[in-house]
Amino acid sequence: MQEHFHFTTDRAKLQKQYEAILFFVSAQLSSIQIPLQRRNRHLLKQKDEVIIAIHVLGKLLGFTSERAWHRFVIGNLFPKALFPERSRYNRRCRALGFAIKWMRHQLAKRGQHHAYAVVDSLPIELCHSSRMYRVKRFRGIADIGYCASKRIAFYGLKLHLQVTDQGLPMGYVVTEASCHDRVAAETVMTQIPHSYNLGDKGYISQKLQKKLYEEHRVAFWTPVRKNQRIRQSDAWKQWMKRKRKVIETVFSILVDSYRITEIRA
């Protein structure tokens, strides 16, 4: 699929995307000091903001191979003589990891201006079900949990994620598989608090809703169960279901592009 980019990419559109990311990175990078000691600064082919912008663009386009992305950059954005060779480019990306994390945090802050946020969790299996009672890897970090939507028990981790109505990630935490959604909800939603949040039935808890509103001024809405006295209209249920689809789309992108649920053992 990544090789297919060479024949289908609109270079004008790609250049426009790159320039928009570079403008944002350059504006944010000036507010932090980069403590990198370089002996041969005069030999750098590109500045740090260019390297960060290229790295971010590669993630947005869904490239999972460092080799394929470097080859794509050389063929579409920069001539080979003006861009670092692959191993040096990857080393600089890792050295600038703290700056990339800062960029993500600043970008996530913009999600506070969106209409609402959605919270959900994604199970991450680390081995097949036939091996989950005898697996030794990640003992003490991962454990056995239950996925209600798929109705299966699995061994692994669980990704708790908060995204805006436009699919922009704001807060996240990775826990063991047995961690209930309600337990991680406060940690996820208070990293960059949003005034209005939506969740599914797994987050139903009056105690949690009261605590979020009193301590963080966060309103948290969920559907109701059949055995609850509270009644919600069909229009409200359909609206909630429609608005929550955005986080399912984000999970699909993570699974398809980065294969985070693929079992490689």
C-alpha atoms as a PDB file:
ATOM      1  CA  MET A   1       0.000   0.000   0.000  1.00  0.00           C
ATOM      2  CA  GLN A   2       2.865   2.374   0.825  1.00  0.00           C
ATOM      3  CA  GLU A   3       4.460   1.809  -2.579  1.00  0.00           C
ATOM      4  CA  HIS A   4       1.110   2.812  -4.108  1.00  0.00           C
ATOM      5  CA  PHE A   5       1.694   6.380  -2.820  1.00  0.00           C
ATOM      6  CA  HIS A   6       4.391   6.862  -5.471  1.00  0.00           C
ATOM      7  CA  PHE A   7       1.796   6.690  -8.236  1.00  0.00           C
ATOM      8  CA  THR A   8      -1.301   8.221  -6.647  1.00  0.00           C
ATOM      9  CA  THR A   9       0.054  11.127  -4.578  1.00  0.00           C
ATOM     10  CA  ASP A  10      -0.848  14.647  -5.631  1.00  0.00           C
ATOM     11  CA  ARG A  11       2.463  16.438  -5.063  1.00  0.00           C
ATOM     12  CA  ALA A  12       0.862  19.882  -4.852  1.00  0.00           C
ATOM     13  CA  LYS A  13      -1.497  18.676  -2.117  1.00  0.00           C
ATOM     14  CA  LEU A  14       1.351  16.883  -0.334  1.00  0.00           C
ATOM     15  CA  GLN A  15       3.498  20.025  -0.405  1.00  0.00           C
ATOM     16  CA  LYS A  16       0.595  22.056   0.996  1.00  0.00           C
ATOM     17  CA  GLN A  17       0.186  19.575   3.875  1.00  0.00           C
ATOM     18  CA  TYR A  18       3.898  19.697   4.603  1.00  0.00           C
ATOM     19  CA  GLU A  19       3.983  23.499   4.638  1.00  0.00           C
ATOM     20  CA  ALA A  20       1.021  23.674   7.038  1.00  0.00           C
ATOM     21  CA  ILE A  21       2.714  21.246   9.456  1.00  0.00           C
ATOM     22  CA  LEU A  22       6.055  23.058   9.135  1.00  0.00           C
ATOM     23  CA  PHE A  23       4.412  26.399   9.966  1.00  0.00           C
ATOM     24  CA  PHE A  24       2.859  24.941  13.139  1.00  0.00           C
ATOM     25  CA  VAL A  25       6.091  23.187  14.177  1.00  0.00           C
ATOM     26  CA  SER A  26       8.231  26.300  13.627  1.00  0.00           C
ATOM     27  CA  ALA A  27       5.882  28.421  15.745  1.00  0.00           C
ATOM     28  CA  GLN A  28       5.860  25.912  18.628  1.00  0.00           C
ATOM     29  CA  LEU A  29       9.552  24.987  18.500  1.00  0.00           C
ATOM     30  CA  SER A  30      10.613  28.549  19.223  1.00  0.00           C
ATOM     31  CA  SER A  31       8.908  28.360  22.643  1.00  0.00           C
ATOM     32  CA  ILE A  32      11.047  25.473  23.911  1.00  0.00           C
ATOM     33  CA  GLN A  33      14.788  25.156  24.157  1.00  0.00           C
ATOM     34  CA  ILE A  34      16.315  22.148  22.455  1.00  0.00           C
ATOM     35  CA  PRO A  35      19.216  20.842  24.585  1.00  0.00           C
ATOM     36  CA  LEU A  36      20.956  18.961  21.765  1.00  0.00           C
ATOM     37  CA  GLN A  37      24.740  19.229  21.669  1.00  0.00           C
ATOM     38  CA  ARG A  38      25.998  18.887  18.115  1.00  0.00           C
ATOM     39  CA  ARG A  39      29.641  19.041  17.128  1.00  0.00           C
ATOM     40  CA  ASN A  40      28.982  19.436  13.402  1.00  0.00           C
ATOM     41  CA  ARG A  41      26.043  21.821  13.200  1.00  0.00           C
ATOM     42  CA  HIS A  42      27.432  23.337  10.007  1.00  0.00           C
ATOM     43  CA  LEU A  43      27.051  19.950   8.269  1.00  0.00           C
ATOM     44  CA  LEU A  44      23.298  19.610   8.923  1.00  0.00           C
ATOM     45  CA  LYS A  45      21.354  19.292   5.694  1.00  0.00           C
ATOM     46  CA  GLN A  46      17.994  20.295   7.242  1.00  0.00           C
ATOM     47  CA  LYS A  47      16.905  22.121  10.399  1.00  0.00           C
ATOM     48  CA  ASP A  48      15.190  20.430  13.332  1.00  0.00           C
ATOM     49  CA  GLU A  49      11.759  21.852  12.470  1.00  0.00           C
ATOM     50  CA  VAL A  50      11.967  20.300   8.989  1.00  0.00           C
ATOM     51  CA  ILE A  51      12.867  16.878  10.422  1.00  0.00           C
ATOM     52  CA  ILE A  52       9.968  17.040  12.898  1.00  0.00           C
ATOM     53  CA  ALA A  53       7.495  18.172  10.231  1.00  0.00           C
ATOM     54  CA  ILE A  54       8.559  15.343   7.903  1.00  0.00           C
ATOM     55  CA  HIS A  55       8.247  12.819  10.736  1.00  0.00           C
ATOM     56  CA  VAL A  56       4.739  14.010  11.656  1.00  0.00           C
ATOM     57  CA  LEU A  57       3.639  13.995   8.017  1.00  0.00           C
ATOM     58  CA  GLY A  58       4.758  10.387   7.659  1.00  0.00           C
ATOM     59  CA  LYS A  59       2.625   9.345  10.615  1.00  0.00           C
ATOM     60  CA  LEU A  60      -0.383  11.224   9.255  1.00  0.00           C
ATOM     61  CA  LEU A  61      -0.045   9.438   5.912  1.00  0.00           C
ATOM     62  CA  GLY A  62       0.013   6.065   7.681  1.00  0.00           C
ATOM     63  CA  PHE A  63       3.577   4.916   6.890  1.00  0.00           C
ATOM     64  CA  THR A  64       4.755   2.177   9.271  1.00  0.00           C
ATOM     65  CA  SER A  65       8.073   1.413   7.542  1.00  0.00           C
ATOM     66  CA  GLU A  66      10.950   3.834   8.148  1.00  0.00           C
ATOM     67  CA  ARG A  67      12.667   2.682   4.967  1.00  0.00           C
ATOM     68  CA  ALA A  68       9.554   3.154   2.809  1.00  0.00           C
ATOM     69  CA  TRP A  69       8.868   6.624   4.242  1.00  0.00           C
ATOM     70  CA  HIS A  70      12.442   7.824   3.698  1.00  0.00           C
ATOM     71  CA  ARG A  71      12.343   6.568   0.114  1.00  0.00           C
ATOM     72  CA  PHE A  72       9.023   8.368  -0.402  1.00  0.00           C
ATOM     73  CA  VAL A  73      10.416  11.678   0.958  1.00  0.00           C
ATOM     74  CA  ILE A  74      13.456  11.476  -1.329  1.00  0.00           C
ATOM     75  CA  GLY A  75      11.231  10.835  -4.325  1.00  0.00           C
ATOM     76  CA  ASN A  76       8.540  13.466  -3.643  1.00  0.00           C
ATOM     77  CA  LEU A  77       9.620  16.237  -1.264  1.00  0.00           C
ATOM     78  CA  PHE A  78      13.421  16.637  -1.198  1.00  0.00           C
ATOM     79  CA  PRO A  79      16.251  15.730  -3.548  1.00  0.00           C
ATOM     80  CA  LYS A  80      18.643  13.148  -2.161  1.00  0.00           C
ATOM     81  CA  ALA A  81      21.499  15.651  -1.832  1.00  0.00           C
ATOM     82  CA  LEU A  82      19.451  17.971   0.426  1.00  0.00           C
ATOM     83  CA  PHE A  83      18.043  15.417   2.877  1.00  0.00           C
ATOM     84  CA  PRO A  84      19.823  13.240   5.481  1.00  0.00           C
ATOM     85  CA  GLU A  85      20.388   9.603   4.640  1.00  0.00           C
ATOM     86  CA  ARG A  86      18.010   7.123   6.240  1.00  0.00           C
ATOM     87  CA  SER A  87      19.925   6.062   9.359  1.00  0.00           C
ATOM     88  CA  ARG A  88      20.897   9.647  10.234  1.00  0.00           C
ATOM     89  CA  TYR A  89      17.318  10.854   9.682  1.00  0.00           C
ATOM     90  CA  ASN A  90      15.952   8.148  12.014  1.00  0.00           C
ATOM     91  CA  ARG A  91      18.546   8.964  14.687  1.00  0.00           C
ATOM     92  CA  ARG A  92      17.595  12.644  14.580  1.00  0.00           C
ATOM     93  CA  CYS A  93      13.902  11.755  14.882  1.00  0.00           C
ATOM     94  CA  ARG A  94      14.624   9.757  18.021  1.00  0.00           C
ATOM     95  CA  ALA A  95      16.801  12.529  19.451  1.00  0.00           C
ATOM     96  CA  LEU A  96      13.947  14.998  18.871  1.00  0.00           C
ATOM     97  CA  GLY A  97      11.380  12.729  20.497  1.00  0.00           C
ATOM     98  CA  PHE A  98      10.817  15.140  23.399  1.00  0.00           C
ATOM     99  CA  ALA A  99      10.059  17.976  20.965  1.00  0.00           C
ATOM    100  CA  ILE A 100       7.630  15.788  18.990  1.00  0.00           C
ATOM    101  CA  LYS A 101       5.842  14.939  22.248  1.00  0.00           C
ATOM    102  CA  TRP A 102       5.602  18.662  23.028  1.00  0.00           C
ATOM    103  CA  MET A 103       4.051  19.288  19.601  1.00  0.00           C
ATOM    104  CA  ARG A 104       1.442  16.586  20.193  1.00  0.00           C
ATOM    105  CA  HIS A 105       0.539  18.127  23.560  1.00  0.00           C
ATOM    106  CA  GLN A 106       0.170  21.615  22.069  1.00  0.00           C
ATOM    107  CA  LEU A 107      -1.942  20.254  19.216  1.00  0.00           C
ATOM    108  CA  ALA A 108      -4.141  18.343  21.682  1.00  0.00           C
ATOM    109  CA  LYS A 109      -4.820  21.551  23.612  1.00  0.00           C
ATOM    110  CA  ARG A 110      -6.622  22.892  20.569  1.00  0.00           C
ATOM    111  CA  GLY A 111      -9.238  20.190  21.122  1.00  0.00           C
ATOM    112  CA  GLN A 112     -10.629  22.200  24.051  1.00  0.00           C
ATOM    113  CA  HIS A 113     -12.230  24.550  21.512  1.00  0.00           C
ATOM    114  CA  HIS A 114     -14.173  21.724  19.822  1.00  0.00           C
ATOM    115  CA  ALA A 115     -17.847  21.024  20.578  1.00  0.00           C
ATOM    116  CA  TYR A 116     -17.371  17.846  22.623  1.00  0.00           C
ATOM    117  CA  ALA A 117     -15.066  14.890  23.302  1.00  0.00           C
ATOM    118  CA  VAL A 118     -15.661  11.123  23.208  1.00  0.00           C
ATOM    119  CA  VAL A 119     -14.088   8.480  25.465  1.00  0.00           C
ATOM    120  CA  ASP A 120     -13.730   4.754  24.788  1.00  0.00           C
ATOM    121  CA  SER A 121     -11.304   1.845  25.147  1.00  0.00           C
ATOM    122  CA  LEU A 122      -9.664  -0.602  22.733  1.00  0.00           C
ATOM    123  CA  PRO A 123      -8.458  -4.108  23.726  1.00  0.00           C
ATOM    124  CA  ILE A 124      -4.916  -4.982  22.617  1.00  0.00           C
ATOM    125  CA  GLU A 125      -4.251  -8.723  22.519  1.00  0.00           C
ATOM    126  CA  LEU A 126      -0.671  -9.886  23.069  1.00  0.00           C
ATOM    127  CA  CYS A 127      -1.195 -13.599  22.411  1.00  0.00           C
ATOM    128  CA  HIS A 128      -3.834 -16.028  21.181  1.00  0.00           C
ATOM    129  CA  SER A 129      -6.497 -17.199  23.595  1.00  0.00           C
ATOM    130  CA  SER A 130      -5.106 -20.742  23.655  1.00  0.00           C
ATOM    131  CA  ARG A 131      -1.868 -19.462  25.246  1.00  0.00           C
ATOM    132  CA  MET A 132      -3.201 -16.781  27.590  1.00  0.00           C
ATOM    133  CA  TYR A 133      -3.133 -18.991  30.734  1.00  0.00           C
ATOM    134  CA  ARG A 134       0.506 -20.021  30.289  1.00  0.00           C
ATOM    135  CA  VAL A 135       2.101 -16.995  28.643  1.00  0.00           C
ATOM    136  CA  LYS A 136       5.040 -15.471  30.555  1.00  0.00           C
ATOM    137  CA  ARG A 137       5.689 -12.315  28.569  1.00  0.00           C
ATOM    138  CA  PHE A 138       4.601  -9.012  30.169  1.00  0.00           C
ATOM    139  CA  ARG A 139       3.656 -10.712  33.438  1.00  0.00           C
ATOM    140  CA  GLY A 140       2.936  -7.973  35.978  1.00  0.00           C
ATOM    141  CA  ILE A 141       2.101  -5.487  33.205  1.00  0.00           C
ATOM    142  CA  ALA A 142      -0.559  -7.300  31.178  1.00  0.00           C
ATOM    143  CA  ASP A 143      -3.238  -9.695  32.371  1.00  0.00           C
ATOM    144  CA  ILE A 144      -6.511 -11.363  31.324  1.00  0.00           C
ATOM    145  CA  GLY A 145      -9.529  -9.163  30.672  1.00  0.00           C
ATOM    146  CA  TYR A 146     -12.936  -9.380  29.021  1.00  0.00           C
ATOM    147  CA  CYS A 147     -14.119  -7.483  25.952  1.00  0.00           C
ATOM    148  CA  ALA A 148     -17.896  -7.034  26.178  1.00  0.00           C
ATOM    149  CA  SER A 149     -18.349  -5.873  22.578  1.00  0.00           C
ATOM    150  CA  LYS A 150     -16.586  -8.959  21.143  1.00  0.00           C
ATOM    151  CA  ARG A 151     -17.680 -11.222  24.021  1.00  0.00           C
ATOM    152  CA  ILE A 152     -14.241 -12.772  24.413  1.00  0.00           C
ATOM    153  CA  ALA A 153     -11.593 -13.040  27.119  1.00  0.00           C
ATOM    154  CA  PHE A 154      -8.087 -11.977  26.084  1.00  0.00           C
ATOM    155  CA  TYR A 155      -4.582 -11.532  27.480  1.00  0.00           C
ATOM    156  CA  GLY A 156      -2.983  -8.154  26.927  1.00  0.00           C
ATOM    157  CA  LEU A 157      -3.490  -4.460  27.479  1.00  0.00           C
ATOM    158  CA  LYS A 158      -6.224  -1.884  27.045  1.00  0.00           C
ATOM    159  CA  LEU A 159      -5.930   1.528  25.383  1.00  0.00           C
ATOM    160  CA  HIS A 160      -8.198   4.214  26.879  1.00  0.00           C
ATOM    161  CA  LEU A 161      -8.537   7.195  24.530  1.00  0.00           C
ATOM    162  CA  GLN A 162     -10.271  10.582  24.446  1.00  0.00           C
ATOM    163  CA  VAL A 163     -10.818  12.291  21.084  1.00  0.00           C
ATOM    164  CA  THR A 164     -12.642  15.431  19.938  1.00  0.00           C
ATOM    165  CA  ASP A 165     -15.602  15.526  17.565  1.00  0.00           C
ATOM    166  CA  GLN A 166     -13.036  15.938  14.747  1.00  0.00           C
ATOM    167  CA  GLY A 167     -11.062  12.837  15.758  1.00  0.00           C
ATOM    168  CA  LEU A 168      -8.165  14.707  17.410  1.00  0.00           C
ATOM    169  CA  PRO A 169      -6.664  12.668  20.313  1.00  0.00           C
ATOM    170  CA  MET A 170      -6.523  14.620  23.581  1.00  0.00           C
ATOM    171  CA  GLY A 171      -5.779  12.158  26.374  1.00  0.00           C
ATOM    172  CA  TYR A 172      -4.802   8.500  26.561  1.00  0.00           C
ATOM    173  CA  VAL A 173      -3.576   5.856  28.985  1.00  0.00           C
ATOM    174  CA  VAL A 174      -2.562   2.210  28.531  1.00  0.00           C
ATOM    175  CA  THR A 175      -3.550  -0.183  31.317  1.00  0.00           C
ATOM    176  CA  GLU A 176      -3.756  -3.920  31.936  1.00  0.00           C
ATOM    177  CA  ALA A 177      -6.666  -5.687  30.255  1.00  0.00           C
ATOM    178  CA  SER A 178      -8.611  -6.192  33.495  1.00  0.00           C
ATOM    179  CA  CYS A 179      -8.784  -2.444  34.236  1.00  0.00           C
ATOM    180  CA  HIS A 180     -12.403  -1.294  34.019  1.00  0.00           C
ATOM    181  CA  ASP A 181     -13.219   1.712  31.849  1.00  0.00           C
ATOM    182  CA  ARG A 182     -14.578   3.633  34.848  1.00  0.00           C
ATOM    183  CA  VAL A 183     -11.267   3.290  36.702  1.00  0.00           C
ATOM    184  CA  ALA A 184      -9.213   4.881  33.896  1.00  0.00           C
ATOM    185  CA  ALA A 185     -11.857   7.426  32.844  1.00  0.00           C
ATOM    186  CA  GLU A 186     -10.787  10.198  35.228  1.00  0.00           C
ATOM    187  CA  THR A 187      -7.096   9.860  34.289  1.00  0.00           C
ATOM    188  CA  VAL A 188      -7.900  10.080  30.572  1.00  0.00           C
ATOM    189  CA  MET A 189     -10.356  12.981  30.740  1.00  0.00           C
ATOM    190  CA  THR A 190      -8.318  15.189  33.094  1.00  0.00           C
ATOM    191  CA  GLN A 191      -5.085  15.231  31.055  1.00  0.00           C
ATOM    192  CA  ILE A 192      -6.529  18.002  28.884  1.00  0.00           C
ATOM    193  CA  PRO A 193     -10.064  18.498  30.272  1.00  0.00           C
ATOM    194  CA  HIS A 194     -12.967  19.193  27.929  1.00  0.00           C
ATOM    195  CA  SER A 195     -16.241  20.615  29.244  1.00  0.00           C
ATOM    196  CA  TYR A 196     -18.481  18.041  27.516  1.00  0.00           C
ATOM    197  CA  ASN A 197     -17.724  14.321  27.156  1.00  0.00           C
ATOM    198  CA  LEU A 198     -19.627  11.307  25.801  1.00  0.00           C
ATOM    199  CA  GLY A 199     -19.141   7.661  26.772  1.00  0.00           C
ATOM    200  CA  ASP A 200     -20.787   4.274  26.328  1.00  0.00           C
ATOM    201  CA  LYS A 201     -22.591   2.096  28.885  1.00  0.00           C
ATOM    202  CA  GLY A 202     -19.283   0.850  30.284  1.00  0.00           C
ATOM    203  CA  TYR A 203     -18.765   4.247  31.928  1.00  0.00           C
ATOM    204  CA  ILE A 204     -22.112   4.419  33.753  1.00  0.00           C
ATOM    205  CA  SER A 205     -21.434   5.674  37.270  1.00  0.00           C
ATOM    206  CA  GLN A 206     -23.195   8.500  39.086  1.00  0.00           C
ATOM    207  CA  LYS A 207     -20.258   8.723  41.479  1.00  0.00           C
ATOM    208  CA  LEU A 208     -17.817   9.229  38.586  1.00  0.00           C
ATOM    209  CA  GLN A 209     -20.030  11.820  36.884  1.00  0.00           C
ATOM    210  CA  LYS A 210     -20.433  13.774  40.128  1.00  0.00           C
ATOM    211  CA  LYS A 211     -16.693  13.717  40.857  1.00  0.00           C
ATOM    212  CA  LEU A 212     -15.749  14.864  37.345  1.00  0.00           C
ATOM    213  CA  TYR A 213     -18.147  17.791  37.496  1.00  0.00           C
ATOM    214  CA  GLU A 214     -17.337  18.928  41.034  1.00  0.00           C
ATOM    215  CA  GLU A 215     -13.546  18.661  40.784  1.00  0.00           C
ATOM    216  CA  HIS A 216     -12.877  19.374  37.095  1.00  0.00           C
ATOM    217  CA  ARG A 217     -16.083  20.997  35.783  1.00  0.00           C
ATOM    218  CA  VAL A 218     -16.407  18.176  33.241  1.00  0.00           C
ATOM    219  CA  ALA A 219     -19.918  17.099  32.170  1.00  0.00           C
ATOM    220  CA  PHE A 220     -19.974  13.389  31.287  1.00  0.00           C
ATOM    221  CA  TRP A 221     -22.985  11.809  29.542  1.00  0.00           C
ATOM    222  CA  THR A 222     -23.618   8.116  28.921  1.00  0.00           C
ATOM    223  CA  PRO A 223     -26.576   6.009  27.706  1.00  0.00           C
ATOM    224  CA  VAL A 224     -28.718   4.353  30.391  1.00  0.00           C
ATOM    225  CA  ARG A 225     -29.312   0.667  31.017  1.00  0.00           C
ATOM    226  CA  LYS A 226     -32.735  -0.946  30.768  1.00  0.00           C
ATOM    227  CA  ASN A 227     -32.930  -1.523  34.542  1.00  0.00           C
ATOM    228  CA  GLN A 228     -32.320   2.148  35.391  1.00  0.00           C
ATOM    229  CA  ARG A 229     -35.149   4.451  36.374  1.00  0.00           C
ATOM    230  CA  ILE A 230     -33.838   7.230  34.156  1.00  0.00           C
ATOM    231  CA  ARG A 231     -35.493   7.352  30.744  1.00  0.00           C
ATOM    232  CA  GLN A 232     -33.967   8.812  27.604  1.00  0.00           C
ATOM    233  CA  SER A 233     -35.786   9.622  24.386  1.00  0.00           C
ATOM    234  CA  ASP A 234     -35.099   7.660  21.206  1.00  0.00           C
ATOM    235  CA  ALA A 235     -33.866  10.852  19.535  1.00  0.00           C
ATOM    236  CA  TRP A 236     -31.271  11.340  22.287  1.00  0.00           C
ATOM    237  CA  LYS A 237     -30.096   7.723  22.002  1.00  0.00           C
ATOM    238  CA  GLN A 238     -29.680   8.034  18.233  1.00  0.00           C
ATOM    239  CA  TRP A 239     -27.814  11.332  18.636  1.00  0.00           C
ATOM    240  CA  MET A 240     -25.425   9.770  21.166  1.00  0.00           C
ATOM    241  CA  LYS A 241     -24.840   6.759  18.948  1.00  0.00           C
ATOM    242  CA  ARG A 242     -24.138   8.926  15.921  1.00  0.00           C
ATOM    243  CA  LYS A 243     -21.736  11.269  17.737  1.00  0.00           C
ATOM    244  CA  ARG A 244     -19.759   8.419  19.273  1.00  0.00           C
ATOM    245  CA  LYS A 245     -18.892   6.971  15.855  1.00  0.00           C
ATOM    246  CA  VAL A 246     -15.913   9.307  15.588  1.00  0.00           C
ATOM    247  CA  ILE A 247     -13.867   7.342  18.130  1.00  0.00           C
ATOM    248  CA  GLU A 248     -14.639   4.069  16.336  1.00  0.00           C
ATOM    249  CA  THR A 249     -13.191   5.664  13.198  1.00  0.00           C
ATOM    250  CA  VAL A 250     -10.031   6.652  15.111  1.00  0.00           C
ATOM    251  CA  PHE A 251      -9.651   3.094  16.430  1.00  0.00           C
ATOM    252  CA  SER A 252     -10.064   1.748  12.892  1.00  0.00           C
ATOM    253  CA  ILE A 253      -7.254   4.010  11.686  1.00  0.00           C
ATOM    254  CA  LEU A 254      -4.974   2.861  14.512  1.00  0.00           C
ATOM    255  CA  VAL A 255      -5.710  -0.781  13.754  1.00  0.00           C
ATOM    256  CA  ASP A 256      -5.408  -0.508   9.958  1.00  0.00           C
ATOM    257  CA  SER A 257      -2.429   1.854   9.746  1.00  0.00           C
ATOM    258  CA  TYR A 258      -0.340   0.860  12.771  1.00  0.00           C
ATOM    259  CA  ARG A 259      -1.579  -2.715  13.342  1.00  0.00           C
ATOM    260  CA  ILE A 260      -1.638  -2.206  17.106  1.00  0.00           C
ATOM    261  CA  THR A 261      -3.971  -5.190  17.621  1.00  0.00           C
ATOM    262  CA  GLU A 262      -2.016  -7.564  15.380  1.00  0.00           C
ATOM    263  CA  ILE A 263      -0.562 -10.504  17.292  1.00  0.00           C
ATOM    264  CA  ARG A 264       3.076 -10.931  16.247  1.00  0.00           C
ATOM    265  CA  ALA A 265       4.018 -13.687  18.685  1.00  0.00           C
END
